[in-house]
Amino acid sequence: MEKNILVATPIISVSTNFRRQTGNTCYDTAAEEARRSTTIVLINKSGTDISLTVATLEGKWTVNCDPNLVKVIKNGTDTTFASQSDGLNAVDVVGSATYIIGNESPPVSLTITWTNPLVGSVKYNVALSSDKYIVETPLPGNGNDALYHVIVKLSN
């Protein structure tokens, strides 16, 4: 009779670094190229278009992952943008992206800010200028290569 034997080896450490394993091209590229990076996935479930007004960064945008490349995020779609430290000696990644939701008057603004410091935790802030919409952030990314999801929805 054949027996199956399970050999258990204690795990001393578990790597939580998922570099190059997400399938998100912007995240994977930023994680590969830089010491520190932050990738934002903005998901539009607002019922209307979301338009970029301005994006700023201390660091550099990952190639082909600059939010300025996608000025309008159609309802039901998403966009990904990624920022990274600028060179081997630069350590912090600090950025913001401001959008207008719909075409209302006065405009409804959405601002996403992030800081990914060499020391300490990644900090995010998402601000809306109206309670007509809500924001969900189910994956508050952390670590050297943070991945952050922002979902914009119409408030019920």
N, C-alpha and C. Protein backbone atom coordinates (compact mmCIF):
# COMPACT_ATOMS: atom_id res chain seq x y z
N MET A 1 0.83 -1.16 0.00
CA MET A 1 0.00 0.00 0.00
C MET A 1 0.88 1.23 0.00
N GLU A 2 0.58 2.16 -0.90
CA GLU A 2 1.37 3.38 -1.03
C GLU A 2 0.84 4.43 -0.05
N LYS A 3 1.78 5.10 0.61
CA LYS A 3 1.40 6.15 1.55
C LYS A 3 1.93 7.48 1.04
N ASN A 4 1.14 8.49 1.22
CA ASN A 4 1.59 9.83 0.92
C ASN A 4 2.10 10.45 2.20
N ILE A 5 3.27 10.98 2.14
CA ILE A 5 3.88 11.61 3.30
C ILE A 5 4.03 13.09 3.02
N LEU A 6 3.54 13.88 3.92
CA LEU A 6 3.66 15.33 3.81
C LEU A 6 4.81 15.76 4.69
N VAL A 7 5.77 16.40 4.10
CA VAL A 7 6.91 16.93 4.85
C VAL A 7 6.69 18.42 4.99
N ALA A 8 6.59 18.87 6.22
CA ALA A 8 6.37 20.29 6.49
C ALA A 8 7.69 20.93 6.86
N THR A 9 8.02 21.97 6.16
CA THR A 9 9.23 22.73 6.45
C THR A 9 8.80 24.08 6.99
N PRO A 10 9.31 24.46 8.15
CA PRO A 10 8.91 25.76 8.67
C PRO A 10 9.36 26.88 7.74
N ILE A 11 8.50 27.85 7.58
CA ILE A 11 8.82 29.00 6.75
C ILE A 11 9.44 30.06 7.64
N ILE A 12 10.64 30.44 7.30
CA ILE A 12 11.33 31.46 8.08
C ILE A 12 10.87 32.84 7.67
N SER A 13 10.70 33.06 6.38
CA SER A 13 10.20 34.35 5.92
C SER A 13 9.39 34.15 4.65
N VAL A 14 8.44 35.02 4.45
CA VAL A 14 7.61 34.99 3.26
C VAL A 14 7.80 36.30 2.53
N SER A 15 8.11 36.21 1.26
CA SER A 15 8.27 37.43 0.47
C SER A 15 6.90 37.98 0.11
N THR A 16 6.67 39.24 0.46
CA THR A 16 5.43 39.89 0.05
C THR A 16 5.68 40.80 -1.14
N ASN A 17 6.82 40.64 -1.77
CA ASN A 17 7.17 41.46 -2.92
C ASN A 17 6.68 40.73 -4.17
N PHE A 18 5.64 41.27 -4.79
CA PHE A 18 5.04 40.63 -5.95
C PHE A 18 5.51 41.25 -7.25
N ARG A 19 6.72 41.71 -7.31
CA ARG A 19 7.25 42.35 -8.51
C ARG A 19 7.10 41.43 -9.72
N ARG A 20 6.67 42.08 -10.82
CA ARG A 20 6.57 41.43 -12.12
C ARG A 20 5.62 40.24 -12.12
N GLN A 21 4.66 40.21 -11.19
CA GLN A 21 3.73 39.09 -11.15
C GLN A 21 2.27 39.53 -11.24
N THR A 22 2.00 40.80 -11.44
CA THR A 22 0.62 41.27 -11.37
C THR A 22 -0.11 41.21 -12.70
N GLY A 23 0.61 41.24 -13.80
CA GLY A 23 -0.04 41.33 -15.09
C GLY A 23 -0.41 42.76 -15.47
N ASN A 24 -0.18 43.71 -14.57
CA ASN A 24 -0.42 45.12 -14.85
C ASN A 24 0.90 45.69 -15.38
N THR A 25 0.93 46.03 -16.65
CA THR A 25 2.17 46.45 -17.30
C THR A 25 2.81 47.65 -16.62
N CYS A 26 2.00 48.64 -16.24
CA CYS A 26 2.56 49.83 -15.58
C CYS A 26 3.21 49.46 -14.25
N TYR A 27 2.51 48.67 -13.44
CA TYR A 27 3.07 48.26 -12.16
C TYR A 27 4.35 47.45 -12.36
N ASP A 28 4.28 46.47 -13.24
CA ASP A 28 5.42 45.59 -13.46
C ASP A 28 6.65 46.37 -13.93
N THR A 29 6.44 47.32 -14.85
CA THR A 29 7.56 48.12 -15.37
C THR A 29 8.14 49.00 -14.27
N ALA A 30 7.28 49.69 -13.53
CA ALA A 30 7.76 50.58 -12.45
C ALA A 30 8.52 49.79 -11.39
N ALA A 31 8.00 48.63 -11.01
CA ALA A 31 8.66 47.81 -9.99
C ALA A 31 10.02 47.31 -10.47
N GLU A 32 10.11 47.04 -11.75
CA GLU A 32 11.37 46.55 -12.32
C GLU A 32 12.43 47.65 -12.40
N GLU A 33 11.99 48.87 -12.72
CA GLU A 33 12.93 49.94 -13.03
C GLU A 33 13.40 50.77 -11.84
N ALA A 34 12.65 50.81 -10.75
CA ALA A 34 12.94 51.80 -9.72
C ALA A 34 13.01 51.21 -8.32
N ARG A 35 13.66 51.97 -7.43
CA ARG A 35 13.73 51.57 -6.03
C ARG A 35 12.38 51.71 -5.34
N ARG A 36 11.63 52.76 -5.69
CA ARG A 36 10.32 53.03 -5.11
C ARG A 36 9.37 53.35 -6.26
N SER A 37 8.15 52.83 -6.18
CA SER A 37 7.16 53.17 -7.20
C SER A 37 5.76 53.10 -6.61
N THR A 38 4.87 53.84 -7.23
CA THR A 38 3.46 53.81 -6.86
C THR A 38 2.65 53.74 -8.14
N THR A 39 1.76 52.76 -8.19
CA THR A 39 0.88 52.58 -9.35
C THR A 39 -0.56 52.78 -8.89
N ILE A 40 -1.29 53.60 -9.62
CA ILE A 40 -2.69 53.88 -9.31
C ILE A 40 -3.56 53.32 -10.43
N VAL A 41 -4.57 52.53 -10.08
CA VAL A 41 -5.57 52.07 -11.03
C VAL A 41 -6.85 52.83 -10.70
N LEU A 42 -7.28 53.69 -11.62
CA LEU A 42 -8.48 54.50 -11.44
C LEU A 42 -9.61 53.86 -12.24
N ILE A 43 -10.64 53.40 -11.54
CA ILE A 43 -11.76 52.67 -12.16
C ILE A 43 -12.99 53.58 -12.14
N ASN A 44 -13.55 53.83 -13.31
CA ASN A 44 -14.67 54.75 -13.44
C ASN A 44 -16.00 53.99 -13.51
N LYS A 45 -16.75 54.04 -12.42
CA LYS A 45 -18.11 53.50 -12.37
C LYS A 45 -19.08 54.62 -11.98
N SER A 46 -18.75 55.84 -12.39
CA SER A 46 -19.48 57.03 -11.96
C SER A 46 -20.75 57.31 -12.75
N GLY A 47 -20.90 56.68 -13.91
CA GLY A 47 -22.04 56.97 -14.76
C GLY A 47 -21.76 58.08 -15.77
N THR A 48 -20.55 58.64 -15.73
CA THR A 48 -20.17 59.72 -16.64
C THR A 48 -18.67 59.68 -16.87
N ASP A 49 -18.17 60.51 -17.76
CA ASP A 49 -16.73 60.54 -18.03
C ASP A 49 -15.98 61.27 -16.91
N ILE A 50 -14.73 60.90 -16.74
CA ILE A 50 -13.83 61.57 -15.80
C ILE A 50 -12.66 62.10 -16.63
N SER A 51 -12.36 63.40 -16.47
CA SER A 51 -11.33 64.05 -17.30
C SER A 51 -10.18 64.57 -16.44
N LEU A 52 -8.97 64.27 -16.85
CA LEU A 52 -7.77 64.75 -16.16
C LEU A 52 -7.62 66.25 -16.37
N THR A 53 -7.33 66.98 -15.29
CA THR A 53 -7.03 68.40 -15.43
C THR A 53 -5.55 68.68 -15.21
N VAL A 54 -4.94 68.03 -14.22
CA VAL A 54 -3.51 68.25 -13.97
C VAL A 54 -2.94 67.06 -13.19
N ALA A 55 -1.69 66.75 -13.49
CA ALA A 55 -0.96 65.71 -12.75
C ALA A 55 0.44 66.25 -12.45
N THR A 56 0.87 66.11 -11.20
CA THR A 56 2.20 66.58 -10.80
C THR A 56 2.96 65.44 -10.14
N LEU A 57 4.28 65.54 -10.18
CA LEU A 57 5.09 64.45 -9.65
C LEU A 57 6.47 64.92 -9.25
N GLU A 58 6.92 64.45 -8.09
CA GLU A 58 8.33 64.51 -7.70
C GLU A 58 8.84 63.10 -7.90
N GLY A 59 9.61 62.90 -8.92
CA GLY A 59 10.03 61.59 -9.38
C GLY A 59 9.85 61.59 -10.88
N LYS A 60 9.49 60.45 -11.45
CA LYS A 60 9.22 60.42 -12.89
C LYS A 60 8.09 59.45 -13.16
N TRP A 61 7.37 59.76 -14.23
CA TRP A 61 6.31 58.85 -14.66
C TRP A 61 6.96 57.65 -15.33
N THR A 62 6.43 56.49 -15.08
CA THR A 62 6.89 55.29 -15.76
C THR A 62 6.53 55.42 -17.24
N VAL A 63 7.44 54.99 -18.11
CA VAL A 63 7.23 55.11 -19.56
C VAL A 63 5.90 54.46 -19.95
N ASN A 64 5.13 55.19 -20.74
CA ASN A 64 3.80 54.78 -21.23
C ASN A 64 2.75 54.66 -20.12
N CYS A 65 3.05 55.21 -18.93
CA CYS A 65 2.12 55.12 -17.80
C CYS A 65 1.89 56.48 -17.16
N ASP A 66 2.03 57.53 -17.95
CA ASP A 66 1.80 58.90 -17.52
C ASP A 66 0.29 59.17 -17.60
N PRO A 67 -0.32 59.72 -16.55
CA PRO A 67 -1.77 59.97 -16.62
C PRO A 67 -2.16 60.93 -17.74
N ASN A 68 -1.22 61.75 -18.20
CA ASN A 68 -1.50 62.68 -19.30
C ASN A 68 -1.75 61.97 -20.63
N LEU A 69 -1.44 60.69 -20.70
CA LEU A 69 -1.67 59.93 -21.94
C LEU A 69 -3.14 59.57 -22.12
N VAL A 70 -3.90 59.53 -21.02
CA VAL A 70 -5.34 59.23 -21.07
C VAL A 70 -6.06 60.39 -20.40
N LYS A 71 -6.49 61.35 -21.20
CA LYS A 71 -7.13 62.55 -20.66
C LYS A 71 -8.56 62.30 -20.21
N VAL A 72 -9.27 61.37 -20.88
CA VAL A 72 -10.67 61.10 -20.53
C VAL A 72 -10.83 59.61 -20.25
N ILE A 73 -11.40 59.32 -19.08
CA ILE A 73 -11.69 57.93 -18.70
C ILE A 73 -13.20 57.76 -18.85
N LYS A 74 -13.59 57.01 -19.84
CA LYS A 74 -15.01 56.79 -20.11
C LYS A 74 -15.63 55.98 -18.97
N ASN A 75 -16.93 56.21 -18.74
CA ASN A 75 -17.64 55.43 -17.75
C ASN A 75 -17.53 53.94 -18.08
N GLY A 76 -17.28 53.12 -17.08
CA GLY A 76 -17.16 51.68 -17.28
C GLY A 76 -15.77 51.23 -17.69
N THR A 77 -14.81 52.15 -17.75
CA THR A 77 -13.43 51.79 -18.09
C THR A 77 -12.50 52.20 -16.96
N ASP A 78 -11.24 51.91 -17.13
CA ASP A 78 -10.25 52.29 -16.13
C ASP A 78 -8.97 52.75 -16.82
N THR A 79 -8.11 53.35 -16.04
CA THR A 79 -6.79 53.73 -16.51
C THR A 79 -5.79 53.44 -15.40
N THR A 80 -4.56 53.19 -15.79
CA THR A 80 -3.49 52.95 -14.83
C THR A 80 -2.37 53.93 -15.10
N PHE A 81 -1.85 54.54 -14.04
CA PHE A 81 -0.66 55.36 -14.18
C PHE A 81 0.30 55.00 -13.07
N ALA A 82 1.60 55.16 -13.36
CA ALA A 82 2.62 54.73 -12.42
C ALA A 82 3.72 55.77 -12.32
N SER A 83 4.19 55.97 -11.09
CA SER A 83 5.28 56.90 -10.83
C SER A 83 6.39 56.14 -10.12
N GLN A 84 7.59 56.66 -10.27
CA GLN A 84 8.73 55.96 -9.68
C GLN A 84 9.79 56.95 -9.27
N SER A 85 10.70 56.48 -8.40
CA SER A 85 11.82 57.32 -8.00
C SER A 85 12.66 57.63 -9.22
N ASP A 86 13.27 58.79 -9.20
CA ASP A 86 14.03 59.29 -10.35
C ASP A 86 15.51 59.00 -10.14
N GLY A 87 15.96 57.87 -10.62
CA GLY A 87 17.36 57.50 -10.48
C GLY A 87 17.61 56.68 -9.22
N LEU A 88 18.83 56.22 -9.07
CA LEU A 88 19.18 55.35 -7.95
C LEU A 88 19.23 56.07 -6.62
N ASN A 89 19.54 57.36 -6.61
CA ASN A 89 19.68 58.08 -5.35
C ASN A 89 18.40 58.75 -4.88
N ALA A 90 17.47 59.00 -5.79
CA ALA A 90 16.20 59.61 -5.38
C ALA A 90 15.40 58.58 -4.60
N VAL A 91 14.76 59.01 -3.53
CA VAL A 91 14.12 58.02 -2.67
C VAL A 91 12.61 58.15 -2.58
N ASP A 92 12.08 59.35 -2.49
CA ASP A 92 10.64 59.50 -2.30
C ASP A 92 9.93 59.68 -3.64
N VAL A 93 8.71 59.16 -3.72
CA VAL A 93 7.85 59.37 -4.87
C VAL A 93 6.61 60.10 -4.34
N VAL A 94 6.41 61.33 -4.80
CA VAL A 94 5.30 62.17 -4.34
C VAL A 94 4.55 62.67 -5.56
N GLY A 95 3.24 62.42 -5.62
CA GLY A 95 2.49 62.85 -6.79
C GLY A 95 1.04 63.16 -6.50
N SER A 96 0.40 63.73 -7.52
CA SER A 96 -1.04 63.98 -7.44
C SER A 96 -1.62 64.00 -8.85
N ALA A 97 -2.90 63.67 -8.91
CA ALA A 97 -3.64 63.74 -10.17
C ALA A 97 -5.03 64.27 -9.84
N THR A 98 -5.45 65.31 -10.56
CA THR A 98 -6.76 65.91 -10.33
C THR A 98 -7.61 65.73 -11.58
N TYR A 99 -8.84 65.30 -11.34
CA TYR A 99 -9.80 65.02 -12.41
C TYR A 99 -11.09 65.81 -12.17
N ILE A 100 -11.85 66.01 -13.24
CA ILE A 100 -13.20 66.55 -13.17
C ILE A 100 -14.14 65.41 -13.55
N ILE A 101 -15.18 65.22 -12.73
CA ILE A 101 -16.17 64.17 -13.00
C ILE A 101 -17.36 64.81 -13.71
N GLY A 102 -17.67 64.31 -14.90
CA GLY A 102 -18.80 64.82 -15.66
C GLY A 102 -18.57 66.23 -16.18
N ASN A 103 -19.67 66.92 -16.44
CA ASN A 103 -19.57 68.29 -16.97
C ASN A 103 -20.53 69.22 -16.23
N GLU A 104 -20.64 68.99 -14.94
CA GLU A 104 -21.56 69.78 -14.12
C GLU A 104 -21.00 71.16 -13.82
N SER A 105 -21.90 72.03 -13.39
CA SER A 105 -21.48 73.35 -12.94
C SER A 105 -22.08 73.57 -11.56
N PRO A 106 -21.27 73.80 -10.55
CA PRO A 106 -19.81 73.84 -10.59
C PRO A 106 -19.24 72.44 -10.80
N PRO A 107 -18.01 72.36 -11.30
CA PRO A 107 -17.39 71.06 -11.56
C PRO A 107 -17.17 70.26 -10.28
N VAL A 108 -17.27 68.94 -10.42
CA VAL A 108 -16.96 68.04 -9.31
C VAL A 108 -15.54 67.55 -9.53
N SER A 109 -14.67 67.82 -8.55
CA SER A 109 -13.26 67.42 -8.71
C SER A 109 -12.93 66.21 -7.85
N LEU A 110 -11.99 65.43 -8.36
CA LEU A 110 -11.44 64.26 -7.68
C LEU A 110 -9.93 64.44 -7.69
N THR A 111 -9.32 64.45 -6.52
CA THR A 111 -7.86 64.58 -6.44
C THR A 111 -7.30 63.39 -5.68
N ILE A 112 -6.33 62.73 -6.31
CA ILE A 112 -5.62 61.60 -5.69
C ILE A 112 -4.20 62.06 -5.43
N THR A 113 -3.74 61.93 -4.18
CA THR A 113 -2.35 62.26 -3.85
C THR A 113 -1.70 61.05 -3.21
N TRP A 114 -0.39 60.94 -3.38
CA TRP A 114 0.35 59.83 -2.79
C TRP A 114 1.77 60.26 -2.46
N THR A 115 2.30 59.62 -1.42
CA THR A 115 3.70 59.77 -1.03
C THR A 115 4.22 58.38 -0.71
N ASN A 116 5.26 57.97 -1.39
CA ASN A 116 5.90 56.68 -1.13
C ASN A 116 7.34 56.96 -0.71
N PRO A 117 7.56 57.13 0.63
CA PRO A 117 8.88 57.53 1.11
C PRO A 117 9.82 56.34 1.26
N LEU A 118 11.10 56.65 1.31
CA LEU A 118 12.09 55.60 1.54
C LEU A 118 11.87 54.96 2.90
N VAL A 119 11.57 55.78 3.89
CA VAL A 119 11.33 55.29 5.25
C VAL A 119 9.90 55.62 5.63
N GLY A 120 9.19 54.65 6.14
CA GLY A 120 7.81 54.88 6.57
C GLY A 120 6.82 54.29 5.60
N SER A 121 5.56 54.51 5.90
CA SER A 121 4.47 53.93 5.13
C SER A 121 4.05 54.82 3.98
N VAL A 122 3.52 54.18 2.96
CA VAL A 122 2.94 54.91 1.83
C VAL A 122 1.69 55.62 2.33
N LYS A 123 1.50 56.85 1.89
CA LYS A 123 0.32 57.63 2.28
C LYS A 123 -0.45 58.02 1.02
N TYR A 124 -1.77 57.86 1.10
CA TYR A 124 -2.67 58.21 0.01
C TYR A 124 -3.75 59.13 0.56
N ASN A 125 -4.27 59.96 -0.32
CA ASN A 125 -5.45 60.74 0.01
C ASN A 125 -6.28 60.87 -1.26
N VAL A 126 -7.57 60.67 -1.11
CA VAL A 126 -8.50 60.87 -2.22
C VAL A 126 -9.55 61.86 -1.75
N ALA A 127 -9.68 62.97 -2.47
CA ALA A 127 -10.63 64.02 -2.09
C ALA A 127 -11.63 64.25 -3.20
N LEU A 128 -12.90 64.32 -2.83
CA LEU A 128 -13.99 64.64 -3.75
C LEU A 128 -14.61 65.96 -3.32
N SER A 129 -14.99 66.78 -4.29
CA SER A 129 -15.58 68.08 -3.95
C SER A 129 -17.10 68.03 -3.80
N SER A 130 -17.69 66.85 -3.94
CA SER A 130 -19.14 66.70 -3.84
C SER A 130 -19.47 65.33 -3.27
N ASP A 131 -20.60 65.25 -2.57
CA ASP A 131 -21.03 63.94 -2.07
C ASP A 131 -21.93 63.21 -3.07
N LYS A 132 -22.00 63.73 -4.29
CA LYS A 132 -22.75 63.07 -5.35
C LYS A 132 -22.08 61.75 -5.75
N TYR A 133 -20.76 61.67 -5.51
CA TYR A 133 -19.99 60.48 -5.85
C TYR A 133 -19.32 59.94 -4.59
N ILE A 134 -18.99 58.66 -4.63
CA ILE A 134 -18.22 58.05 -3.55
C ILE A 134 -16.99 57.40 -4.14
N VAL A 135 -16.01 57.16 -3.29
CA VAL A 135 -14.77 56.52 -3.71
C VAL A 135 -14.54 55.30 -2.83
N GLU A 136 -14.20 54.19 -3.45
CA GLU A 136 -13.79 52.99 -2.73
C GLU A 136 -12.33 52.74 -3.04
N THR A 137 -11.58 52.32 -2.02
CA THR A 137 -10.16 52.01 -2.19
C THR A 137 -9.89 50.64 -1.58
N PRO A 138 -10.25 49.57 -2.31
CA PRO A 138 -10.16 48.22 -1.74
C PRO A 138 -8.75 47.69 -1.54
N LEU A 139 -7.79 48.21 -2.27
CA LEU A 139 -6.43 47.69 -2.17
C LEU A 139 -5.47 48.83 -1.84
N PRO A 140 -5.36 49.19 -0.57
CA PRO A 140 -4.42 50.26 -0.22
C PRO A 140 -2.99 49.74 -0.23
N GLY A 141 -2.34 49.85 -1.37
CA GLY A 141 -1.01 49.29 -1.55
C GLY A 141 0.03 49.89 -0.63
N ASN A 142 1.03 49.11 -0.31
CA ASN A 142 2.10 49.56 0.56
C ASN A 142 3.40 48.94 0.08
N GLY A 143 4.50 49.36 0.67
CA GLY A 143 5.79 48.79 0.35
C GLY A 143 6.53 49.57 -0.72
N ASN A 144 7.67 49.04 -1.13
CA ASN A 144 8.51 49.71 -2.11
C ASN A 144 7.78 49.96 -3.42
N ASP A 145 6.94 49.04 -3.81
CA ASP A 145 6.22 49.13 -5.08
C ASP A 145 4.73 48.98 -4.79
N ALA A 146 4.10 50.10 -4.50
CA ALA A 146 2.71 50.10 -4.05
C ALA A 146 1.74 50.11 -5.23
N LEU A 147 0.66 49.35 -5.09
CA LEU A 147 -0.41 49.28 -6.08
C LEU A 147 -1.70 49.69 -5.39
N TYR A 148 -2.36 50.74 -5.89
CA TYR A 148 -3.52 51.34 -5.23
C TYR A 148 -4.68 51.42 -6.21
N HIS A 149 -5.83 50.89 -5.82
CA HIS A 149 -7.03 50.94 -6.66
C HIS A 149 -7.98 52.00 -6.12
N VAL A 150 -8.49 52.83 -7.02
CA VAL A 150 -9.46 53.87 -6.67
C VAL A 150 -10.67 53.66 -7.58
N ILE A 151 -11.83 53.39 -6.97
CA ILE A 151 -13.07 53.18 -7.72
C ILE A 151 -14.00 54.35 -7.45
N VAL A 152 -14.44 55.03 -8.51
CA VAL A 152 -15.36 56.16 -8.38
C VAL A 152 -16.75 55.69 -8.79
N LYS A 153 -17.73 55.90 -7.88
CA LYS A 153 -19.11 55.48 -8.13
C LYS A 153 -20.06 56.63 -7.84
N LEU A 154 -21.24 56.54 -8.44
CA LEU A 154 -22.31 57.46 -8.14
C LEU A 154 -22.85 57.10 -6.76
N SER A 155 -23.05 58.10 -5.92
CA SER A 155 -23.58 57.86 -4.58
C SER A 155 -25.04 57.43 -4.69
N ASN A 156 -25.46 56.56 -3.80
CA ASN A 156 -26.86 56.07 -3.84
C ASN A 156 -27.79 57.04 -3.20
